[in-house]
Amino acid sequence: MVLVLFTLITTFTLNRAALAQSNGNGVAAPKPPMAEKKTKTTKIHGETLVDDYFWLREKSNPAVIAYLESENAHTEAVMKPSAAFQEKLYKEMVGHIKETDSSVPYRWGDYFYYTRTEQGKQYPTYCRKLGSLDAKEEVILDQNELAKGLKFFNIGAFVVSKIYEPDSCFRKVSIAWAVLCGRPTIRPCSSLRKTQ
């Protein structure tokens, strides 16, 4: 009895594993592309590091581009049978996300700072209001505007810093932001001035 039960469980498990590796119709999935090994040896601090896939870092190398395109084609082929299910899952997940929303405002000095998102827009907008949440909104940084025309946009850090200038009649608030577009950069975004 135990042997029969063990055999049934093992057969069921193996059949499920085989089906999981197929395209859902019992047909074997296409074989994934294998990156060529090109050994690169680096010596650092007396240690030897061996990397067989270092060559994949060369973004402009036609061989790297061809390999990545073959991986994309393989992924597309393997995932094709579940395309309708993927779409259903995506719609369900998006249905649980409140696309038009804002963060909880926090007060710093005379201003309330917060971020807000809008339906159909990819990135949040950084805003502030003077003195009250009913005051007019000032947009500090609109990531959607900055991202126009870029394939990839990411603000790694956003910091509002207060700089008091004792010899002047205004307080200067500077904003620095870092953008990753191939390589990290830090740019001053703007200076906001308030007459006192």
N, C-alpha and C. Protein backbone atom coordinates (compact mmCIF):
# COMPACT_ATOMS: atom_id res chain seq x y z
N MET A 1 0.83 -1.20 0.00
CA MET A 1 0.00 0.00 0.00
C MET A 1 0.87 1.26 0.00
N VAL A 2 1.87 1.28 0.87
CA VAL A 2 2.76 2.44 0.95
C VAL A 2 3.53 2.60 -0.35
N LEU A 3 3.98 1.48 -0.93
CA LEU A 3 4.74 1.51 -2.18
C LEU A 3 3.88 2.04 -3.32
N VAL A 4 2.60 1.64 -3.36
CA VAL A 4 1.69 2.11 -4.41
C VAL A 4 1.47 3.62 -4.27
N LEU A 5 1.25 4.08 -3.05
CA LEU A 5 1.04 5.49 -2.79
C LEU A 5 2.28 6.30 -3.18
N PHE A 6 3.46 5.79 -2.80
CA PHE A 6 4.72 6.46 -3.15
C PHE A 6 4.88 6.56 -4.67
N THR A 7 4.54 5.47 -5.38
CA THR A 7 4.66 5.43 -6.84
C THR A 7 3.71 6.44 -7.48
N LEU A 8 2.47 6.53 -6.98
CA LEU A 8 1.51 7.49 -7.52
C LEU A 8 1.97 8.93 -7.30
N ILE A 9 2.46 9.24 -6.11
CA ILE A 9 2.93 10.60 -5.80
C ILE A 9 4.13 10.95 -6.68
N THR A 10 5.07 10.02 -6.82
CA THR A 10 6.25 10.26 -7.64
C THR A 10 5.87 10.48 -9.10
N THR A 11 4.97 9.65 -9.63
CA THR A 11 4.53 9.79 -11.02
C THR A 11 3.83 11.12 -11.23
N PHE A 12 2.95 11.48 -10.29
CA PHE A 12 2.23 12.76 -10.38
C PHE A 12 3.21 13.93 -10.38
N THR A 13 4.21 13.88 -9.48
CA THR A 13 5.20 14.96 -9.37
C THR A 13 6.02 15.07 -10.64
N LEU A 14 6.49 13.94 -11.16
CA LEU A 14 7.30 13.97 -12.38
C LEU A 14 6.49 14.48 -13.57
N ASN A 15 5.21 14.06 -13.68
CA ASN A 15 4.37 14.54 -14.77
C ASN A 15 4.13 16.05 -14.67
N ARG A 16 3.94 16.54 -13.45
CA ARG A 16 3.75 17.99 -13.27
C ARG A 16 5.01 18.75 -13.62
N ALA A 17 6.17 18.20 -13.23
CA ALA A 17 7.44 18.85 -13.55
C ALA A 17 7.66 18.89 -15.05
N ALA A 18 7.32 17.80 -15.75
CA ALA A 18 7.48 17.76 -17.21
C ALA A 18 6.53 18.74 -17.87
N LEU A 19 5.30 18.83 -17.37
CA LEU A 19 4.34 19.77 -17.93
C LEU A 19 4.77 21.21 -17.67
N ALA A 20 5.34 21.47 -16.49
CA ALA A 20 5.81 22.82 -16.16
C ALA A 20 6.92 23.25 -17.10
N GLN A 21 7.71 22.30 -17.59
CA GLN A 21 8.80 22.62 -18.51
C GLN A 21 8.34 22.61 -19.96
N SER A 22 7.08 22.36 -20.19
CA SER A 22 6.54 22.36 -21.54
C SER A 22 5.80 23.67 -21.76
N ASN A 23 5.19 23.82 -22.92
CA ASN A 23 4.44 25.04 -23.22
C ASN A 23 2.98 24.93 -22.79
N GLY A 24 2.66 23.95 -21.98
CA GLY A 24 1.29 23.78 -21.48
C GLY A 24 0.50 22.75 -22.27
N ASN A 25 0.96 22.40 -23.45
CA ASN A 25 0.27 21.41 -24.27
C ASN A 25 1.01 20.08 -24.24
N GLY A 26 1.97 19.94 -23.35
CA GLY A 26 2.75 18.72 -23.28
C GLY A 26 3.93 18.70 -24.23
N VAL A 27 4.09 19.76 -25.04
CA VAL A 27 5.20 19.85 -26.00
C VAL A 27 6.37 20.52 -25.28
N ALA A 28 7.55 19.97 -25.45
CA ALA A 28 8.73 20.52 -24.78
C ALA A 28 8.96 21.97 -25.20
N ALA A 29 9.32 22.80 -24.24
CA ALA A 29 9.61 24.21 -24.50
C ALA A 29 10.90 24.32 -25.30
N PRO A 30 11.05 25.40 -26.08
CA PRO A 30 12.29 25.57 -26.83
C PRO A 30 13.48 25.67 -25.88
N LYS A 31 14.61 25.20 -26.35
CA LYS A 31 15.82 25.20 -25.54
C LYS A 31 16.32 26.64 -25.36
N PRO A 32 16.64 27.03 -24.14
CA PRO A 32 17.10 28.41 -23.91
C PRO A 32 18.49 28.63 -24.52
N PRO A 33 18.76 29.86 -24.93
CA PRO A 33 20.09 30.16 -25.47
C PRO A 33 21.13 30.08 -24.35
N MET A 34 22.31 29.67 -24.69
CA MET A 34 23.40 29.57 -23.72
C MET A 34 24.47 30.58 -24.10
N ALA A 35 24.82 31.44 -23.17
CA ALA A 35 25.87 32.42 -23.43
C ALA A 35 27.22 31.72 -23.52
N GLU A 36 28.00 32.20 -24.47
CA GLU A 36 29.34 31.64 -24.67
C GLU A 36 30.23 32.03 -23.49
N LYS A 37 31.05 31.11 -23.05
CA LYS A 37 31.99 31.40 -21.97
C LYS A 37 33.27 31.97 -22.56
N LYS A 38 33.62 33.16 -22.10
CA LYS A 38 34.88 33.80 -22.50
C LYS A 38 35.56 34.23 -21.20
N THR A 39 36.46 33.43 -20.75
CA THR A 39 37.07 33.63 -19.44
C THR A 39 37.88 34.92 -19.38
N LYS A 40 37.61 35.70 -18.34
CA LYS A 40 38.41 36.90 -18.05
C LYS A 40 38.89 36.75 -16.62
N THR A 41 40.20 36.90 -16.46
CA THR A 41 40.80 36.77 -15.14
C THR A 41 41.28 38.14 -14.69
N THR A 42 40.93 38.50 -13.46
CA THR A 42 41.33 39.78 -12.89
C THR A 42 41.99 39.51 -11.55
N LYS A 43 43.11 40.19 -11.31
CA LYS A 43 43.79 40.05 -10.01
C LYS A 43 43.61 41.35 -9.24
N ILE A 44 43.02 41.21 -8.05
CA ILE A 44 42.78 42.36 -7.18
C ILE A 44 43.23 42.00 -5.77
N HIS A 45 44.13 42.79 -5.21
CA HIS A 45 44.59 42.60 -3.83
C HIS A 45 45.06 41.17 -3.57
N GLY A 46 45.76 40.62 -4.53
CA GLY A 46 46.30 39.28 -4.36
C GLY A 46 45.30 38.16 -4.60
N GLU A 47 44.06 38.50 -4.91
CA GLU A 47 43.03 37.50 -5.20
C GLU A 47 42.82 37.43 -6.71
N THR A 48 42.55 36.25 -7.20
CA THR A 48 42.27 36.06 -8.62
C THR A 48 40.78 35.82 -8.81
N LEU A 49 40.16 36.66 -9.62
CA LEU A 49 38.74 36.55 -9.91
C LEU A 49 38.56 36.06 -11.34
N VAL A 50 37.74 35.06 -11.53
CA VAL A 50 37.48 34.51 -12.86
C VAL A 50 36.01 34.76 -13.20
N ASP A 51 35.78 35.40 -14.34
CA ASP A 51 34.41 35.68 -14.78
C ASP A 51 34.27 35.21 -16.22
N ASP A 52 33.47 34.17 -16.42
CA ASP A 52 33.27 33.61 -17.76
C ASP A 52 32.33 34.44 -18.61
N TYR A 53 31.59 35.36 -17.99
CA TYR A 53 30.59 36.12 -18.72
C TYR A 53 30.84 37.63 -18.66
N PHE A 54 32.06 38.02 -18.40
CA PHE A 54 32.41 39.44 -18.33
C PHE A 54 32.08 40.15 -19.64
N TRP A 55 32.23 39.46 -20.75
CA TRP A 55 32.00 40.05 -22.06
C TRP A 55 30.57 40.56 -22.25
N LEU A 56 29.62 40.05 -21.45
CA LEU A 56 28.24 40.50 -21.56
C LEU A 56 28.03 41.94 -21.08
N ARG A 57 29.05 42.53 -20.47
CA ARG A 57 28.96 43.93 -20.02
C ARG A 57 29.13 44.91 -21.18
N GLU A 58 29.65 44.44 -22.28
CA GLU A 58 29.94 45.30 -23.43
C GLU A 58 28.63 45.60 -24.17
N LYS A 59 27.94 46.65 -23.76
CA LYS A 59 26.59 46.94 -24.25
C LYS A 59 26.52 47.20 -25.76
N SER A 60 27.58 47.70 -26.35
CA SER A 60 27.53 48.02 -27.78
C SER A 60 28.07 46.88 -28.65
N ASN A 61 28.52 45.79 -28.04
CA ASN A 61 29.04 44.64 -28.76
C ASN A 61 27.89 43.93 -29.50
N PRO A 62 27.98 43.77 -30.83
CA PRO A 62 26.90 43.11 -31.57
C PRO A 62 26.60 41.69 -31.08
N ALA A 63 27.63 40.98 -30.60
CA ALA A 63 27.41 39.62 -30.07
C ALA A 63 26.56 39.65 -28.80
N VAL A 64 26.77 40.65 -27.96
CA VAL A 64 25.97 40.80 -26.73
C VAL A 64 24.53 41.13 -27.10
N ILE A 65 24.35 42.05 -28.02
CA ILE A 65 23.01 42.44 -28.45
C ILE A 65 22.28 41.24 -29.04
N ALA A 66 22.97 40.46 -29.88
CA ALA A 66 22.36 39.27 -30.49
C ALA A 66 21.98 38.25 -29.43
N TYR A 67 22.84 38.06 -28.43
CA TYR A 67 22.53 37.11 -27.37
C TYR A 67 21.30 37.56 -26.57
N LEU A 68 21.25 38.84 -26.21
CA LEU A 68 20.11 39.35 -25.44
C LEU A 68 18.82 39.25 -26.25
N GLU A 69 18.91 39.51 -27.56
CA GLU A 69 17.71 39.37 -28.40
C GLU A 69 17.26 37.90 -28.46
N SER A 70 18.22 36.96 -28.46
CA SER A 70 17.84 35.55 -28.47
C SER A 70 17.19 35.16 -27.14
N GLU A 71 17.67 35.73 -26.03
CA GLU A 71 17.02 35.48 -24.73
C GLU A 71 15.60 36.03 -24.72
N ASN A 72 15.43 37.24 -25.27
CA ASN A 72 14.09 37.83 -25.33
C ASN A 72 13.15 36.98 -26.18
N ALA A 73 13.65 36.49 -27.31
CA ALA A 73 12.82 35.65 -28.18
C ALA A 73 12.45 34.34 -27.48
N HIS A 74 13.39 33.78 -26.73
CA HIS A 74 13.11 32.54 -25.98
C HIS A 74 12.04 32.79 -24.92
N THR A 75 12.20 33.87 -24.19
CA THR A 75 11.22 34.21 -23.15
C THR A 75 9.84 34.38 -23.77
N GLU A 76 9.78 35.09 -24.90
CA GLU A 76 8.50 35.30 -25.58
C GLU A 76 7.87 33.97 -25.99
N ALA A 77 8.68 33.06 -26.51
CA ALA A 77 8.17 31.76 -26.95
C ALA A 77 7.67 30.93 -25.77
N VAL A 78 8.41 30.93 -24.67
CA VAL A 78 8.03 30.13 -23.51
C VAL A 78 6.78 30.69 -22.85
N MET A 79 6.65 32.03 -22.82
CA MET A 79 5.53 32.66 -22.13
C MET A 79 4.28 32.80 -23.00
N LYS A 80 4.39 32.58 -24.30
CA LYS A 80 3.28 32.80 -25.21
C LYS A 80 2.01 32.04 -24.82
N PRO A 81 2.09 30.77 -24.42
CA PRO A 81 0.86 30.05 -24.06
C PRO A 81 0.11 30.67 -22.87
N SER A 82 0.80 31.44 -22.06
CA SER A 82 0.14 32.03 -20.88
C SER A 82 -0.17 33.52 -21.09
N ALA A 83 -0.14 34.00 -22.33
CA ALA A 83 -0.34 35.43 -22.61
C ALA A 83 -1.68 35.93 -22.07
N ALA A 84 -2.75 35.19 -22.28
CA ALA A 84 -4.07 35.63 -21.81
C ALA A 84 -4.10 35.68 -20.28
N PHE A 85 -3.49 34.70 -19.65
CA PHE A 85 -3.43 34.67 -18.18
C PHE A 85 -2.59 35.83 -17.65
N GLN A 86 -1.48 36.13 -18.32
CA GLN A 86 -0.64 37.25 -17.91
C GLN A 86 -1.43 38.56 -17.96
N GLU A 87 -2.18 38.75 -19.04
CA GLU A 87 -2.99 39.96 -19.20
C GLU A 87 -4.04 40.05 -18.09
N LYS A 88 -4.67 38.91 -17.79
CA LYS A 88 -5.68 38.88 -16.72
C LYS A 88 -5.05 39.25 -15.38
N LEU A 89 -3.87 38.68 -15.08
CA LEU A 89 -3.17 39.01 -13.83
C LEU A 89 -2.80 40.49 -13.77
N TYR A 90 -2.28 41.01 -14.88
CA TYR A 90 -1.89 42.42 -14.94
C TYR A 90 -3.09 43.32 -14.63
N LYS A 91 -4.21 43.04 -15.28
CA LYS A 91 -5.41 43.86 -15.07
C LYS A 91 -5.89 43.76 -13.62
N GLU A 92 -5.79 42.57 -13.04
CA GLU A 92 -6.20 42.40 -11.65
C GLU A 92 -5.30 43.21 -10.72
N MET A 93 -3.98 43.13 -10.95
CA MET A 93 -3.05 43.88 -10.09
C MET A 93 -3.25 45.38 -10.22
N VAL A 94 -3.39 45.86 -11.46
CA VAL A 94 -3.62 47.29 -11.67
C VAL A 94 -4.94 47.71 -11.04
N GLY A 95 -5.92 46.82 -11.05
CA GLY A 95 -7.21 47.12 -10.44
C GLY A 95 -7.13 47.35 -8.94
N HIS A 96 -6.07 46.84 -8.30
CA HIS A 96 -5.89 47.03 -6.86
C HIS A 96 -5.02 48.24 -6.54
N ILE A 97 -4.49 48.88 -7.56
CA ILE A 97 -3.60 50.04 -7.34
C ILE A 97 -4.39 51.31 -7.54
N LYS A 98 -4.27 52.21 -6.60
CA LYS A 98 -4.90 53.51 -6.72
C LYS A 98 -3.92 54.39 -7.50
N GLU A 99 -4.17 54.56 -8.79
CA GLU A 99 -3.20 55.26 -9.64
C GLU A 99 -3.14 56.75 -9.35
N THR A 100 -4.27 57.36 -9.06
CA THR A 100 -4.27 58.78 -8.69
C THR A 100 -4.31 58.84 -7.18
N ASP A 101 -3.19 59.26 -6.60
CA ASP A 101 -3.06 59.21 -5.14
C ASP A 101 -2.00 60.22 -4.71
N SER A 102 -1.90 60.45 -3.41
CA SER A 102 -0.83 61.30 -2.89
C SER A 102 -0.33 60.73 -1.57
N SER A 103 0.92 61.03 -1.29
CA SER A 103 1.51 60.56 -0.03
C SER A 103 0.99 61.41 1.12
N VAL A 104 1.25 60.98 2.33
CA VAL A 104 0.88 61.76 3.50
C VAL A 104 1.82 62.96 3.57
N PRO A 105 1.28 64.18 3.60
CA PRO A 105 2.15 65.37 3.64
C PRO A 105 2.91 65.44 4.97
N TYR A 106 4.13 65.94 4.90
CA TYR A 106 4.88 66.18 6.13
C TYR A 106 5.30 67.65 6.15
N ARG A 107 5.25 68.21 7.35
CA ARG A 107 5.57 69.64 7.49
C ARG A 107 7.05 69.80 7.77
N TRP A 108 7.64 70.73 7.05
CA TRP A 108 9.04 71.08 7.29
C TRP A 108 9.15 72.58 7.11
N GLY A 109 9.40 73.26 8.21
CA GLY A 109 9.40 74.73 8.18
C GLY A 109 7.99 75.22 7.92
N ASP A 110 7.86 76.12 6.95
CA ASP A 110 6.55 76.70 6.63
C ASP A 110 5.77 75.89 5.60
N TYR A 111 6.35 74.81 5.09
CA TYR A 111 5.74 74.09 3.98
C TYR A 111 5.33 72.66 4.35
N PHE A 112 4.33 72.18 3.62
CA PHE A 112 3.94 70.78 3.64
C PHE A 112 4.45 70.15 2.34
N TYR A 113 5.24 69.09 2.46
CA TYR A 113 5.82 68.41 1.30
C TYR A 113 5.12 67.06 1.09
N TYR A 114 4.92 66.69 -0.17
CA TYR A 114 4.27 65.42 -0.48
C TYR A 114 4.55 65.07 -1.94
N THR A 115 4.24 63.83 -2.29
CA THR A 115 4.29 63.42 -3.69
C THR A 115 2.89 62.99 -4.10
N ARG A 116 2.63 63.12 -5.39
CA ARG A 116 1.33 62.65 -5.89
C ARG A 116 1.54 61.93 -7.22
N THR A 117 0.65 60.98 -7.48
CA THR A 117 0.67 60.25 -8.73
C THR A 117 -0.65 60.47 -9.45
N GLU A 118 -0.61 60.37 -10.78
CA GLU A 118 -1.80 60.56 -11.58
C GLU A 118 -2.00 59.35 -12.48
N GLN A 119 -3.26 58.99 -12.70
CA GLN A 119 -3.56 57.85 -13.55
C GLN A 119 -3.00 58.07 -14.95
N GLY A 120 -2.35 57.03 -15.46
CA GLY A 120 -1.80 57.10 -16.81
C GLY A 120 -0.40 57.68 -16.88
N LYS A 121 0.11 58.19 -15.76
CA LYS A 121 1.47 58.73 -15.73
C LYS A 121 2.38 57.77 -14.99
N GLN A 122 3.59 57.67 -15.46
CA GLN A 122 4.54 56.67 -14.98
C GLN A 122 5.17 57.03 -13.63
N TYR A 123 5.43 58.31 -13.40
CA TYR A 123 6.26 58.73 -12.26
C TYR A 123 5.51 59.69 -11.34
N PRO A 124 5.94 59.76 -10.07
CA PRO A 124 5.32 60.70 -9.14
C PRO A 124 5.81 62.13 -9.38
N THR A 125 5.04 63.07 -8.85
CA THR A 125 5.37 64.49 -8.91
C THR A 125 5.59 64.96 -7.48
N TYR A 126 6.71 65.66 -7.23
CA TYR A 126 7.03 66.19 -5.92
C TYR A 126 6.43 67.59 -5.79
N CYS A 127 5.68 67.82 -4.69
CA CYS A 127 4.97 69.08 -4.51
C CYS A 127 5.12 69.61 -3.09
N ARG A 128 4.69 70.86 -2.90
CA ARG A 128 4.63 71.44 -1.57
C ARG A 128 3.56 72.50 -1.53
N LYS A 129 3.11 72.82 -0.30
CA LYS A 129 2.11 73.86 -0.08
C LYS A 129 2.57 74.72 1.10
N LEU A 130 2.39 76.01 0.98
CA LEU A 130 2.83 76.96 2.01
C LEU A 130 1.78 77.11 3.11
N GLY A 131 2.17 76.77 4.34
CA GLY A 131 1.36 77.07 5.51
C GLY A 131 0.17 76.18 5.77
N SER A 132 -0.51 75.72 4.74
CA SER A 132 -1.74 74.95 4.92
C SER A 132 -1.91 73.97 3.77
N LEU A 133 -2.61 72.90 4.02
CA LEU A 133 -2.89 71.93 2.97
C LEU A 133 -3.90 72.46 1.97
N ASP A 134 -4.57 73.57 2.32
CA ASP A 134 -5.53 74.20 1.42
C ASP A 134 -4.86 75.24 0.52
N ALA A 135 -3.58 75.52 0.74
CA ALA A 135 -2.86 76.53 -0.04
C ALA A 135 -2.63 76.04 -1.46
N LYS A 136 -2.19 76.95 -2.31
CA LYS A 136 -1.91 76.62 -3.72
C LYS A 136 -0.71 75.67 -3.79
N GLU A 137 -0.82 74.67 -4.65
CA GLU A 137 0.25 73.69 -4.82
C GLU A 137 1.40 74.26 -5.65
N GLU A 138 2.62 74.01 -5.18
CA GLU A 138 3.82 74.32 -5.95
C GLU A 138 4.44 73.00 -6.37
N VAL A 139 4.63 72.81 -7.66
CA VAL A 139 5.30 71.62 -8.15
C VAL A 139 6.80 71.86 -8.06
N ILE A 140 7.48 71.02 -7.28
CA ILE A 140 8.92 71.14 -7.12
C ILE A 140 9.63 70.38 -8.24
N LEU A 141 9.18 69.16 -8.50
CA LEU A 141 9.84 68.32 -9.49
C LEU A 141 8.81 67.38 -10.12
N ASP A 142 8.62 67.53 -11.43
CA ASP A 142 7.70 66.66 -12.16
C ASP A 142 8.53 65.65 -12.95
N GLN A 143 8.61 64.43 -12.43
CA GLN A 143 9.42 63.41 -13.08
C GLN A 143 8.90 63.05 -14.46
N ASN A 144 7.61 63.14 -14.67
CA ASN A 144 7.04 62.80 -15.97
C ASN A 144 7.55 63.73 -17.06
N GLU A 145 7.72 65.01 -16.73
CA GLU A 145 8.28 65.97 -17.69
C GLU A 145 9.74 65.67 -17.97
N LEU A 146 10.49 65.36 -16.91
CA LEU A 146 11.91 65.09 -17.07
C LEU A 146 12.16 63.80 -17.84
N ALA A 147 11.25 62.85 -17.75
CA ALA A 147 11.44 61.54 -18.38
C ALA A 147 11.05 61.52 -19.86
N LYS A 148 10.43 62.60 -20.35
CA LYS A 148 10.00 62.61 -21.76
C LYS A 148 11.18 62.39 -22.69
N GLY A 149 11.01 61.45 -23.61
CA GLY A 149 12.03 61.17 -24.60
C GLY A 149 13.14 60.25 -24.14
N LEU A 150 13.09 59.80 -22.88
CA LEU A 150 14.13 58.90 -22.36
C LEU A 150 13.60 57.47 -22.33
N LYS A 151 14.48 56.52 -22.62
CA LYS A 151 14.10 55.11 -22.55
C LYS A 151 13.99 54.66 -21.10
N PHE A 152 14.83 55.21 -20.23
CA PHE A 152 14.85 54.83 -18.82
C PHE A 152 15.08 56.08 -17.99
N PHE A 153 14.34 56.20 -16.91
CA PHE A 153 14.49 57.35 -16.02
C PHE A 153 14.27 56.89 -14.59
N ASN A 154 15.15 57.28 -13.70
CA ASN A 154 15.01 56.89 -12.30
C ASN A 154 15.69 57.94 -11.43
N ILE A 155 14.96 58.47 -10.49
CA ILE A 155 15.56 59.38 -9.52
C ILE A 155 16.00 58.51 -8.35
N GLY A 156 17.30 58.44 -8.16
CA GLY A 156 17.84 57.63 -7.08
C GLY A 156 17.66 58.28 -5.73
N ALA A 157 17.71 59.61 -5.69
CA ALA A 157 17.57 60.32 -4.42
C ALA A 157 16.96 61.69 -4.69
N PHE A 158 16.11 62.13 -3.79
CA PHE A 158 15.49 63.45 -3.87
C PHE A 158 15.57 64.06 -2.48
N VAL A 159 16.24 65.18 -2.36
CA VAL A 159 16.46 65.78 -1.04
C VAL A 159 16.14 67.27 -1.09
N VAL A 160 15.33 67.71 -0.16
CA VAL A 160 15.08 69.14 0.00
C VAL A 160 15.92 69.58 1.19
N SER A 161 16.76 70.58 0.97
CA SER A 161 17.59 71.06 2.07
C SER A 161 17.38 72.55 2.26
N LYS A 162 17.34 72.97 3.51
CA LYS A 162 17.15 74.38 3.81
C LYS A 162 18.50 75.03 4.06
N ILE A 163 18.71 76.14 3.40
CA ILE A 163 19.95 76.90 3.58
C ILE A 163 19.54 78.29 4.05
N TYR A 164 19.93 78.63 5.26
CA TYR A 164 19.59 79.94 5.78
C TYR A 164 20.71 80.91 5.45
N GLU A 165 20.33 82.06 4.91
CA GLU A 165 21.30 83.08 4.56
C GLU A 165 21.03 84.29 5.44
N PRO A 166 21.84 84.47 6.48
CA PRO A 166 21.55 85.51 7.47
C PRO A 166 21.59 86.93 6.91
N ASP A 167 22.34 87.17 5.85
CA ASP A 167 22.48 88.53 5.32
C ASP A 167 21.46 88.86 4.24
N SER A 168 20.48 87.99 4.02
CA SER A 168 19.50 88.30 2.99
C SER A 168 18.10 88.17 3.56
N CYS A 169 17.13 88.64 2.79
CA CYS A 169 15.75 88.67 3.27
C CYS A 169 14.96 87.45 2.81
N PHE A 170 15.62 86.42 2.36
CA PHE A 170 14.89 85.23 1.94
C PHE A 170 15.58 83.97 2.42
N ARG A 171 14.80 82.94 2.48
CA ARG A 171 15.34 81.62 2.80
C ARG A 171 15.39 80.85 1.48
N LYS A 172 16.48 80.22 1.22
CA LYS A 172 16.65 79.49 -0.03
C LYS A 172 16.47 78.00 0.24
N VAL A 173 15.65 77.36 -0.54
CA VAL A 173 15.47 75.92 -0.45
C VAL A 173 16.03 75.33 -1.73
N SER A 174 17.01 74.48 -1.61
CA SER A 174 17.57 73.88 -2.82
C SER A 174 17.19 72.42 -2.88
N ILE A 175 17.07 71.95 -4.07
CA ILE A 175 16.67 70.57 -4.30
C ILE A 175 17.72 69.92 -5.17
N ALA A 176 18.21 68.79 -4.74
CA ALA A 176 19.17 68.04 -5.55
C ALA A 176 18.54 66.70 -5.89
N TRP A 177 18.77 66.26 -7.10
CA TRP A 177 18.23 64.96 -7.49
C TRP A 177 19.25 64.24 -8.34
N ALA A 178 19.21 62.94 -8.24
CA ALA A 178 20.15 62.11 -8.98
C ALA A 178 19.37 61.32 -10.02
N VAL A 179 19.87 61.30 -11.22
CA VAL A 179 19.21 60.58 -12.30
C VAL A 179 20.14 59.50 -12.81
N LEU A 180 19.57 58.33 -13.04
CA LEU A 180 20.35 57.23 -13.60
C LEU A 180 19.91 57.03 -15.04
N CYS A 181 20.72 57.49 -15.95
CA CYS A 181 20.44 57.32 -17.38
C CYS A 181 21.70 56.75 -18.02
N GLY A 182 22.02 55.54 -17.69
CA GLY A 182 23.24 54.95 -18.19
C GLY A 182 24.37 55.10 -17.19
N ARG A 183 24.50 56.27 -16.62
CA ARG A 183 25.51 56.48 -15.57
C ARG A 183 24.92 57.45 -14.54
N PRO A 184 25.29 57.28 -13.27
CA PRO A 184 24.71 58.15 -12.24
C PRO A 184 25.18 59.60 -12.40
N THR A 185 24.26 60.51 -12.22
CA THR A 185 24.60 61.93 -12.22
C THR A 185 23.83 62.59 -11.11
N ILE A 186 24.37 63.66 -10.58
CA ILE A 186 23.65 64.45 -9.57
C ILE A 186 23.53 65.85 -10.12
N ARG A 187 22.31 66.35 -10.15
CA ARG A 187 22.08 67.67 -10.72
C ARG A 187 21.29 68.52 -9.73
N PRO A 188 21.66 69.78 -9.56
CA PRO A 188 20.78 70.65 -8.78
C PRO A 188 19.54 70.95 -9.62
N CYS A 189 18.39 70.79 -9.02
CA CYS A 189 17.17 70.95 -9.80
C CYS A 189 16.72 72.40 -9.83
N SER A 190 16.54 72.99 -8.68
CA SER A 190 16.03 74.36 -8.67
C SER A 190 16.26 74.98 -7.31
N SER A 191 16.11 76.27 -7.28
CA SER A 191 16.12 77.00 -6.02
C SER A 191 14.77 77.64 -5.86
N LEU A 192 14.15 77.42 -4.74
CA LEU A 192 12.86 78.03 -4.44
C LEU A 192 13.09 79.10 -3.40
N ARG A 193 12.62 80.28 -3.66
CA ARG A 193 12.87 81.37 -2.73
C ARG A 193 11.54 81.91 -2.18
N LYS A 194 11.58 82.25 -0.92
CA LYS A 194 10.39 82.79 -0.28
C LYS A 194 10.78 84.08 0.43
N THR A 195 10.11 85.15 0.10
CA THR A 195 10.37 86.43 0.76
C THR A 195 9.80 86.38 2.17
N GLN A 196 10.58 86.85 3.12
CA GLN A 196 10.09 86.85 4.51
C GLN A 196 9.70 88.25 4.92
